[in-house]
Amino acid sequence: MLLWNSTNFISKMEQIKSEIVKWNGSGEHFLSIISVPYNSSEFFIDIIITYVRQNKNVIYITDEKPNRVSIIKNVKKYTDFRNYAYIKKEGNDMNCLLEVCSFHSALKLEKKFQLVIYDDINSFSIYNKYEVVNLIDRLTYKQGKAIVYSIENIFENSRELFFPIGREGPIVEPRTILTRFDMNKNIPFVVYDYLKWSLSEGKKAIIYVPDEFKAANVYSYTHNYCKNLCKNILCYTKKEESCKKSVSKFFEMKDSILITDSFKQIISNGKNSNIMVYFADNMDFNYKEFVYLCGSMKRGGRNVKGEVILVANLETKDMEKAGDITRNFNREAWDMGLLKI
């Protein structure tokens, strides 16, 4: 089993901080920091403080929940700087050196910044790279600078820094199960065996599906065939997201299976679970979702192990790309000495 090398991790983080400072002193305007989902924002503290001390304004864009924004927590923890604000409402004109807001709120801003940091790591973004680049271009002064923190480089011909691991250890790599079964009607034998094993290991099983219709179908036969495995089999759809009591009960149960089309709920609550993506070859799914599901598996800590299983009739390019991205993160982490046996 690959383990986290804490000493080398800290050294690598300090190196990233140093490289950001060097980039800032160069004539380059764009920087990509490529990392695993839900990683630290700590190494942006130095560059932010450098700018605000020079009375230069900074905007940090993230779709994290307002009360869970990691950069605000880190600014509070590591500095005495307090001239910042989180923009909750569109059109708010904040006179602060550091402004933090969501992508949607940033679209409404009518001013420019000396430094723009777009954090696509600590929340799952629905925006494509063209939308991100256009927003950054509109918010940045002509001589300003921009940093994008993402699972892949969205700037062409820009400098990139690679940080392939988080404090929780290596990212989970997705496994693929291909089946000829029509998963709208029946559970594949190999899937039944996997659910049986997962529950016996004390893990909850989450079955992620593309839509409400498929959720109903999968729930129907799963409840029929798997009721001997566990009593707690729940179906929860996006339409029910305003009523979270039912799904919160699931995450309190030990032996349970959840069928859902709610990506948001899985990402937020997937601790101590194994995730199976049914119909992974469905065009509504993309590689970025798969990678973020893999990233969410380690959010509970280094000792928390979970798996992401992609179940499909055919392997798609998005499934392959998700595997390539996660595998490359772990390969790079090993080569950098951030992992040990």
Foldseek 3Di string as FASTA:
>chain_A
DKDFDVVLLVVLLVVVLVVVVVVVPDQDFEEEEAEAAQAAPLSCLVVLVVQVVVVFAEEEEDPDDPVDDRVVVNCVVPHPDDQEEEDDDAPDDRPGRYYYYYLVNLVRDQEAGQEYEYECRHDPDPDDLVSVVVSNVRRHDPSHHYYYYYNDDSDPPHHYHYDLAHQLGAFAFAAEDADPDDLLAEDDPVRLVVLLVLLVVQAEEEEAEQADSSLVSNLVHCCVPCCVSDVAEEEDEPVCVVPCPVVVVQLVDRRYYYYYNDLPCCLVRVFRHEYEYEQLVDPSDALSSVSSSRSSQRPVHNPTDYHYYYYHNDDDPRSVVNNVSSVVSVVVCVVSVRIDD
